[in-house]
């Protein structure tokens, strides 16, 4: 009897959790990147503690459109972002993307071309956002709605840079300038990614756990 119950609970848990584990292109995830590591240029930003910058890529559980939010979270007063770089799934046409400003400090230049934009020796990237001096400083942010490709998701941007037929290690990079007392230093920074479940995924997971525990509770009462 106990073996039969265990098999029932296993099949129930698979039915409940399968939609969460087998997330396909219809992603229910947001991705957050905290830029806390200087990898080139020799001068990390002086704002403490890092992360100095944060990027959030969110398809809001609706493939085909992605919200990109960039924030200067902890720079000093004189430091500013000069360039911010991203990649796209190489099977997609990056030039088909459309960036529509939602709010914040728009990039002075936004460029799209596969493997075209150098990032501090970390390879070449597909998406380049540029700001003039002092335009994107501590506390500034920008938010874009990205469309133009059917099925576009947050994960579409989680691809490594590429250079000279070699895949590099970074997914994204940003260039911070005017670092130090004389504003002469600069550094290229990057960071790791963190997955944030969308509310719909959290609700499904919670419902599954509640159902699983309810079945176990009823079994205990009968015994």
C-alpha atoms as a PDB file:
ATOM      1  CA  UNK A   1       0.000   0.000   0.000  1.00  0.00           C
ATOM      2  CA  UNK A   2       2.831   2.385   0.903  1.00  0.00           C
ATOM      3  CA  UNK A   3       4.531   1.649  -2.428  1.00  0.00           C
ATOM      4  CA  UNK A   4       1.296   2.399  -4.313  1.00  0.00           C
ATOM      5  CA  UNK A   5       0.922   5.697  -2.423  1.00  0.00           C
ATOM      6  CA  UNK A   6       4.507   6.695  -3.224  1.00  0.00           C
ATOM      7  CA  UNK A   7       3.916   6.043  -6.923  1.00  0.00           C
ATOM      8  CA  UNK A   8       0.752   8.156  -6.782  1.00  0.00           C
ATOM      9  CA  UNK A   9       2.566  11.032  -5.090  1.00  0.00           C
ATOM     10  CA  UNK A  10       5.392  10.828  -7.622  1.00  0.00           C
ATOM     11  CA  UNK A  11       3.021  10.992 -10.579  1.00  0.00           C
ATOM     12  CA  UNK A  12       1.109  13.841  -8.944  1.00  0.00           C
ATOM     13  CA  UNK A  13       4.261  15.861  -8.317  1.00  0.00           C
ATOM     14  CA  UNK A  14       5.419  15.328 -11.912  1.00  0.00           C
ATOM     15  CA  UNK A  15       2.071  16.531 -13.211  1.00  0.00           C
ATOM     16  CA  UNK A  16       2.222  19.619 -11.010  1.00  0.00           C
ATOM     17  CA  UNK A  17       5.844  20.573 -11.494  1.00  0.00           C
ATOM     18  CA  UNK A  18       6.383  19.612 -15.133  1.00  0.00           C
ATOM     19  CA  UNK A  19       5.131  23.008 -16.410  1.00  0.00           C
ATOM     20  CA  UNK A  20       7.711  24.700 -14.176  1.00  0.00           C
ATOM     21  CA  UNK A  21      10.689  22.546 -15.098  1.00  0.00           C
ATOM     22  CA  UNK A  22      10.061  22.226 -18.815  1.00  0.00           C
ATOM     23  CA  UNK A  23       9.975  25.930 -19.645  1.00  0.00           C
ATOM     24  CA  UNK A  24      10.371  26.283 -23.386  1.00  0.00           C
ATOM     25  CA  UNK A  25      10.579  29.390 -25.554  1.00  0.00           C
ATOM     26  CA  UNK A  26       7.427  30.630 -23.793  1.00  0.00           C
ATOM     27  CA  UNK A  27       9.654  31.586 -20.884  1.00  0.00           C
ATOM     28  CA  UNK A  28       8.205  32.558 -17.541  1.00  0.00           C
ATOM     29  CA  UNK A  29      11.415  34.038 -16.254  1.00  0.00           C
ATOM     30  CA  UNK A  30      13.107  37.369 -15.804  1.00  0.00           C
ATOM     31  CA  UNK A  31      16.889  37.626 -15.756  1.00  0.00           C
ATOM     32  CA  UNK A  32      18.821  40.013 -13.519  1.00  0.00           C
ATOM     33  CA  UNK A  33      22.511  40.773 -14.043  1.00  0.00           C
ATOM     34  CA  UNK A  34      24.511  42.480 -11.290  1.00  0.00           C
ATOM     35  CA  UNK A  35      27.703  44.090 -12.616  1.00  0.00           C
ATOM     36  CA  UNK A  36      30.167  43.642  -9.768  1.00  0.00           C
ATOM     37  CA  UNK A  37      33.401  42.521 -11.447  1.00  0.00           C
ATOM     38  CA  UNK A  38      35.947  44.625 -13.357  1.00  0.00           C
ATOM     39  CA  UNK A  39      37.713  42.518 -15.990  1.00  0.00           C
ATOM     40  CA  UNK A  40      39.557  45.048 -18.177  1.00  0.00           C
ATOM     41  CA  UNK A  41      40.893  48.572 -17.968  1.00  0.00           C
ATOM     42  CA  UNK A  42      42.549  48.246 -14.592  1.00  0.00           C
ATOM     43  CA  UNK A  43      40.284  50.582 -12.610  1.00  0.00           C
ATOM     44  CA  UNK A  44      37.069  49.295 -11.029  1.00  0.00           C
ATOM     45  CA  UNK A  45      34.366  51.843 -10.128  1.00  0.00           C
ATOM     46  CA  UNK A  46      34.765  53.282  -6.638  1.00  0.00           C
ATOM     47  CA  UNK A  47      31.146  53.006  -5.518  1.00  0.00           C
ATOM     48  CA  UNK A  48      30.852  50.501  -2.655  1.00  0.00           C
ATOM     49  CA  UNK A  49      29.536  47.966  -2.258  1.00  0.00           C
ATOM     50  CA  UNK A  50      28.954  46.665  -5.784  1.00  0.00           C
ATOM     51  CA  UNK A  51      26.999  45.912  -7.910  1.00  0.00           C
ATOM     52  CA  UNK A  52      27.742  49.163  -9.700  1.00  0.00           C
ATOM     53  CA  UNK A  53      25.176  48.519 -12.424  1.00  0.00           C
ATOM     54  CA  UNK A  54      22.128  46.267 -12.812  1.00  0.00           C
ATOM     55  CA  UNK A  55      20.337  44.992 -15.910  1.00  0.00           C
ATOM     56  CA  UNK A  56      16.952  43.270 -15.897  1.00  0.00           C
ATOM     57  CA  UNK A  57      15.702  41.400 -18.981  1.00  0.00           C
ATOM     58  CA  UNK A  58      12.055  40.420 -18.640  1.00  0.00           C
ATOM     59  CA  UNK A  59       9.716  38.864 -21.220  1.00  0.00           C
ATOM     60  CA  UNK A  60       6.836  39.165 -18.721  1.00  0.00           C
ATOM     61  CA  UNK A  61       5.618  35.683 -19.659  1.00  0.00           C
ATOM     62  CA  UNK A  62       4.749  36.977 -23.137  1.00  0.00           C
ATOM     63  CA  UNK A  63       7.200  35.816 -25.858  1.00  0.00           C
ATOM     64  CA  UNK A  64       7.729  38.304 -28.647  1.00  0.00           C
ATOM     65  CA  UNK A  65       8.435  41.340 -26.483  1.00  0.00           C
ATOM     66  CA  UNK A  66      11.080  41.913 -23.821  1.00  0.00           C
ATOM     67  CA  UNK A  67      11.551  44.757 -21.353  1.00  0.00           C
ATOM     68  CA  UNK A  68      15.196  45.759 -20.840  1.00  0.00           C
ATOM     69  CA  UNK A  69      15.884  47.926 -17.779  1.00  0.00           C
ATOM     70  CA  UNK A  70      19.390  49.286 -17.118  1.00  0.00           C
ATOM     71  CA  UNK A  71      20.288  51.026 -13.860  1.00  0.00           C
ATOM     72  CA  UNK A  72      23.369  52.735 -12.427  1.00  0.00           C
ATOM     73  CA  UNK A  73      22.947  51.433  -8.896  1.00  0.00           C
ATOM     74  CA  UNK A  74      26.172  52.427  -7.165  1.00  0.00           C
ATOM     75  CA  UNK A  75      28.567  54.712  -9.029  1.00  0.00           C
ATOM     76  CA  UNK A  76      30.277  57.741  -7.495  1.00  0.00           C
ATOM     77  CA  UNK A  77      29.144  61.239  -8.452  1.00  0.00           C
ATOM     78  CA  UNK A  78      31.617  61.699 -11.307  1.00  0.00           C
ATOM     79  CA  UNK A  79      31.501  58.194 -12.804  1.00  0.00           C
ATOM     80  CA  UNK A  80      29.308  57.469 -15.825  1.00  0.00           C
ATOM     81  CA  UNK A  81      28.444  54.652 -18.210  1.00  0.00           C
ATOM     82  CA  UNK A  82      29.856  55.129 -21.698  1.00  0.00           C
ATOM     83  CA  UNK A  83      28.849  51.831 -23.294  1.00  0.00           C
ATOM     84  CA  UNK A  84      26.645  48.862 -22.467  1.00  0.00           C
ATOM     85  CA  UNK A  85      26.824  45.687 -24.566  1.00  0.00           C
ATOM     86  CA  UNK A  86      24.653  42.583 -25.001  1.00  0.00           C
ATOM     87  CA  UNK A  87      24.426  39.513 -27.217  1.00  0.00           C
ATOM     88  CA  UNK A  88      21.524  37.809 -28.959  1.00  0.00           C
ATOM     89  CA  UNK A  89      20.846  34.207 -29.908  1.00  0.00           C
ATOM     90  CA  UNK A  90      22.936  33.823 -33.103  1.00  0.00           C
ATOM     91  CA  UNK A  91      20.054  32.056 -34.861  1.00  0.00           C
ATOM     92  CA  UNK A  92      18.053  35.313 -34.623  1.00  0.00           C
ATOM     93  CA  UNK A  93      18.520  38.464 -36.713  1.00  0.00           C
ATOM     94  CA  UNK A  94      19.626  41.182 -34.303  1.00  0.00           C
ATOM     95  CA  UNK A  95      19.009  43.881 -36.930  1.00  0.00           C
ATOM     96  CA  UNK A  96      15.286  43.005 -36.830  1.00  0.00           C
ATOM     97  CA  UNK A  97      14.976  44.195 -33.224  1.00  0.00           C
ATOM     98  CA  UNK A  98      13.138  47.411 -32.438  1.00  0.00           C
ATOM     99  CA  UNK A  99      13.962  49.299 -29.228  1.00  0.00           C
ATOM    100  CA  UNK A 100      11.144  51.574 -28.020  1.00  0.00           C
ATOM    101  CA  UNK A 101      12.001  53.918 -25.146  1.00  0.00           C
ATOM    102  CA  UNK A 102       9.627  53.531 -22.204  1.00  0.00           C
ATOM    103  CA  UNK A 103      11.270  55.863 -19.710  1.00  0.00           C
ATOM    104  CA  UNK A 104      14.628  57.029 -18.383  1.00  0.00           C
ATOM    105  CA  UNK A 105      17.890  58.282 -19.883  1.00  0.00           C
ATOM    106  CA  UNK A 106      17.856  57.097 -23.500  1.00  0.00           C
ATOM    107  CA  UNK A 107      21.111  56.025 -25.112  1.00  0.00           C
ATOM    108  CA  UNK A 108      22.590  58.670 -27.416  1.00  0.00           C
ATOM    109  CA  UNK A 109      23.356  55.902 -29.885  1.00  0.00           C
ATOM    110  CA  UNK A 110      21.911  52.377 -30.170  1.00  0.00           C
ATOM    111  CA  UNK A 111      23.597  50.026 -32.637  1.00  0.00           C
ATOM    112  CA  UNK A 112      22.650  46.514 -33.795  1.00  0.00           C
ATOM    113  CA  UNK A 113      24.948  44.250 -35.794  1.00  0.00           C
ATOM    114  CA  UNK A 114      26.132  40.664 -35.212  1.00  0.00           C
ATOM    115  CA  UNK A 115      29.562  40.342 -33.564  1.00  0.00           C
ATOM    116  CA  UNK A 116      30.412  43.968 -34.265  1.00  0.00           C
ATOM    117  CA  UNK A 117      31.114  45.783 -30.987  1.00  0.00           C
ATOM    118  CA  UNK A 118      34.302  45.218 -28.994  1.00  0.00           C
ATOM    119  CA  UNK A 119      34.022  44.997 -25.223  1.00  0.00           C
ATOM    120  CA  UNK A 120      37.337  45.454 -23.445  1.00  0.00           C
ATOM    121  CA  UNK A 121      38.982  42.424 -24.984  1.00  0.00           C
ATOM    122  CA  UNK A 122      36.117  40.109 -24.020  1.00  0.00           C
ATOM    123  CA  UNK A 123      34.975  39.533 -27.582  1.00  0.00           C
ATOM    124  CA  UNK A 124      32.473  41.227 -29.832  1.00  0.00           C
ATOM    125  CA  UNK A 125      28.822  41.817 -29.071  1.00  0.00           C
ATOM    126  CA  UNK A 126      25.626  42.263 -31.090  1.00  0.00           C
ATOM    127  CA  UNK A 127      23.940  45.163 -29.252  1.00  0.00           C
ATOM    128  CA  UNK A 128      25.654  48.414 -28.289  1.00  0.00           C
ATOM    129  CA  UNK A 129      24.150  51.268 -26.281  1.00  0.00           C
ATOM    130  CA  UNK A 130      26.303  54.425 -26.025  1.00  0.00           C
ATOM    131  CA  UNK A 131      25.953  57.550 -23.863  1.00  0.00           C
ATOM    132  CA  UNK A 132      27.842  60.828 -24.066  1.00  0.00           C
ATOM    133  CA  UNK A 133      29.952  61.906 -21.087  1.00  0.00           C
ATOM    134  CA  UNK A 134      27.945  62.325 -17.863  1.00  0.00           C
ATOM    135  CA  UNK A 135      24.627  61.395 -19.517  1.00  0.00           C
ATOM    136  CA  UNK A 136      24.211  58.099 -17.608  1.00  0.00           C
ATOM    137  CA  UNK A 137      25.441  58.536 -14.034  1.00  0.00           C
ATOM    138  CA  UNK A 138      24.646  57.239 -10.557  1.00  0.00           C
ATOM    139  CA  UNK A 139      20.907  56.835 -10.004  1.00  0.00           C
ATOM    140  CA  UNK A 140      20.057  57.021 -13.712  1.00  0.00           C
ATOM    141  CA  UNK A 141      18.111  54.293 -15.485  1.00  0.00           C
ATOM    142  CA  UNK A 142      16.592  53.524 -18.867  1.00  0.00           C
ATOM    143  CA  UNK A 143      13.849  51.108 -19.858  1.00  0.00           C
ATOM    144  CA  UNK A 144      13.250  49.847 -23.400  1.00  0.00           C
ATOM    145  CA  UNK A 145      10.588  47.605 -24.887  1.00  0.00           C
ATOM    146  CA  UNK A 146      12.284  45.285 -27.389  1.00  0.00           C
ATOM    147  CA  UNK A 147      10.184  43.757 -30.186  1.00  0.00           C
ATOM    148  CA  UNK A 148      10.581  42.697 -33.806  1.00  0.00           C
ATOM    149  CA  UNK A 149      11.241  38.955 -33.507  1.00  0.00           C
ATOM    150  CA  UNK A 150       8.480  36.409 -32.965  1.00  0.00           C
ATOM    151  CA  UNK A 151       9.151  34.228 -29.943  1.00  0.00           C
ATOM    152  CA  UNK A 152      11.763  36.583 -28.435  1.00  0.00           C
ATOM    153  CA  UNK A 153      12.316  35.813 -24.735  1.00  0.00           C
ATOM    154  CA  UNK A 154      14.619  36.869 -21.930  1.00  0.00           C
ATOM    155  CA  UNK A 155      16.798  33.825 -22.599  1.00  0.00           C
ATOM    156  CA  UNK A 156      17.377  35.047 -26.165  1.00  0.00           C
ATOM    157  CA  UNK A 157      19.953  37.461 -24.713  1.00  0.00           C
ATOM    158  CA  UNK A 158      21.910  34.864 -22.706  1.00  0.00           C
ATOM    159  CA  UNK A 159      24.596  34.150 -25.295  1.00  0.00           C
ATOM    160  CA  UNK A 160      28.354  34.565 -25.118  1.00  0.00           C
ATOM    161  CA  UNK A 161      30.383  37.094 -27.055  1.00  0.00           C
ATOM    162  CA  UNK A 162      32.246  35.807 -30.101  1.00  0.00           C
ATOM    163  CA  UNK A 163      35.501  36.799 -31.779  1.00  0.00           C
ATOM    164  CA  UNK A 164      37.789  35.287 -34.431  1.00  0.00           C
ATOM    165  CA  UNK A 165      35.759  32.068 -34.607  1.00  0.00           C
ATOM    166  CA  UNK A 166      36.101  31.648 -30.850  1.00  0.00           C
ATOM    167  CA  UNK A 167      33.335  31.770 -28.260  1.00  0.00           C
ATOM    168  CA  UNK A 168      34.303  34.047 -25.383  1.00  0.00           C
ATOM    169  CA  UNK A 169      33.138  33.771 -21.779  1.00  0.00           C
ATOM    170  CA  UNK A 170      30.980  36.863 -21.188  1.00  0.00           C
ATOM    171  CA  UNK A 171      27.287  37.436 -21.850  1.00  0.00           C
ATOM    172  CA  UNK A 172      27.397  41.215 -21.396  1.00  0.00           C
ATOM    173  CA  UNK A 173      29.775  44.070 -20.560  1.00  0.00           C
ATOM    174  CA  UNK A 174      29.627  47.755 -19.644  1.00  0.00           C
ATOM    175  CA  UNK A 175      32.244  50.507 -19.716  1.00  0.00           C
ATOM    176  CA  UNK A 176      32.397  52.896 -16.752  1.00  0.00           C
ATOM    177  CA  UNK A 177      34.450  56.074 -17.194  1.00  0.00           C
ATOM    178  CA  UNK A 178      35.753  59.003 -15.100  1.00  0.00           C
ATOM    179  CA  UNK A 179      36.897  56.766 -12.255  1.00  0.00           C
ATOM    180  CA  UNK A 180      39.238  58.145  -9.583  1.00  0.00           C
ATOM    181  CA  UNK A 181      40.209  61.568  -8.249  1.00  0.00           C
ATOM    182  CA  UNK A 182      41.231  62.929 -11.660  1.00  0.00           C
ATOM    183  CA  UNK A 183      38.354  61.247 -13.536  1.00  0.00           C
ATOM    184  CA  UNK A 184      40.939  59.603 -15.777  1.00  0.00           C
ATOM    185  CA  UNK A 185      40.365  55.941 -14.987  1.00  0.00           C
ATOM    186  CA  UNK A 186      37.964  53.572 -16.701  1.00  0.00           C
ATOM    187  CA  UNK A 187      37.017  49.932 -16.436  1.00  0.00           C
ATOM    188  CA  UNK A 188      35.012  47.280 -18.237  1.00  0.00           C
ATOM    189  CA  UNK A 189      32.710  45.436 -15.866  1.00  0.00           C
ATOM    190  CA  UNK A 190      30.403  42.426 -15.964  1.00  0.00           C
ATOM    191  CA  UNK A 191      28.546  40.138 -13.577  1.00  0.00           C
ATOM    192  CA  UNK A 192      26.640  36.933 -13.077  1.00  0.00           C
ATOM    193  CA  UNK A 193      23.015  36.268 -13.929  1.00  0.00           C
ATOM    194  CA  UNK A 194      20.176  35.572 -11.540  1.00  0.00           C
ATOM    195  CA  UNK A 195      16.877  33.992 -12.605  1.00  0.00           C
ATOM    196  CA  UNK A 196      13.704  35.562 -11.202  1.00  0.00           C
ATOM    197  CA  UNK A 197      10.493  33.515 -11.670  1.00  0.00           C
ATOM    198  CA  UNK A 198       7.493  35.421 -13.005  1.00  0.00           C
ATOM    199  CA  UNK A 199       4.446  35.655 -10.679  1.00  0.00           C
ATOM    200  CA  UNK A 200       2.560  33.091 -12.784  1.00  0.00           C
ATOM    201  CA  UNK A 201       5.357  30.553 -12.281  1.00  0.00           C
ATOM    202  CA  UNK A 202       5.533  31.221  -8.527  1.00  0.00           C
ATOM    203  CA  UNK A 203       1.753  30.789  -8.250  1.00  0.00           C
ATOM    204  CA  UNK A 204       1.906  27.463 -10.114  1.00  0.00           C
ATOM    205  CA  UNK A 205       4.738  26.236  -7.922  1.00  0.00           C
ATOM    206  CA  UNK A 206       2.895  27.253  -4.721  1.00  0.00           C
ATOM    207  CA  UNK A 207      -0.303  25.550  -5.869  1.00  0.00           C
ATOM    208  CA  UNK A 208       1.621  22.367  -6.630  1.00  0.00           C
ATOM    209  CA  UNK A 209       3.253  22.293  -3.215  1.00  0.00           C
ATOM    210  CA  UNK A 210      -0.068  22.957  -1.485  1.00  0.00           C
ATOM    211  CA  UNK A 211      -1.726  20.102  -3.372  1.00  0.00           C
ATOM    212  CA  UNK A 212       1.112  17.717  -2.619  1.00  0.00           C
ATOM    213  CA  UNK A 213       1.067  18.471   1.106  1.00  0.00           C
ATOM    214  CA  UNK A 214      -2.748  18.189   1.205  1.00  0.00           C
ATOM    215  CA  UNK A 215      -2.587  14.652  -0.202  1.00  0.00           C
ATOM    216  CA  UNK A 216       0.056  13.698   2.332  1.00  0.00           C
ATOM    217  CA  UNK A 217      -2.034  15.210   5.136  1.00  0.00           C
ATOM    218  CA  UNK A 218      -5.106  13.195   4.188  1.00  0.00           C
ATOM    219  CA  UNK A 219      -3.031  10.021   4.050  1.00  0.00           C
ATOM    220  CA  UNK A 220      -1.722  10.596   7.585  1.00  0.00           C
ATOM    221  CA  UNK A 221      -5.252  11.125   8.942  1.00  0.00           C
ATOM    222  CA  UNK A 222      -6.466   7.841   7.415  1.00  0.00           C
ATOM    223  CA  UNK A 223      -3.584   5.946   8.917  1.00  0.00           C
END
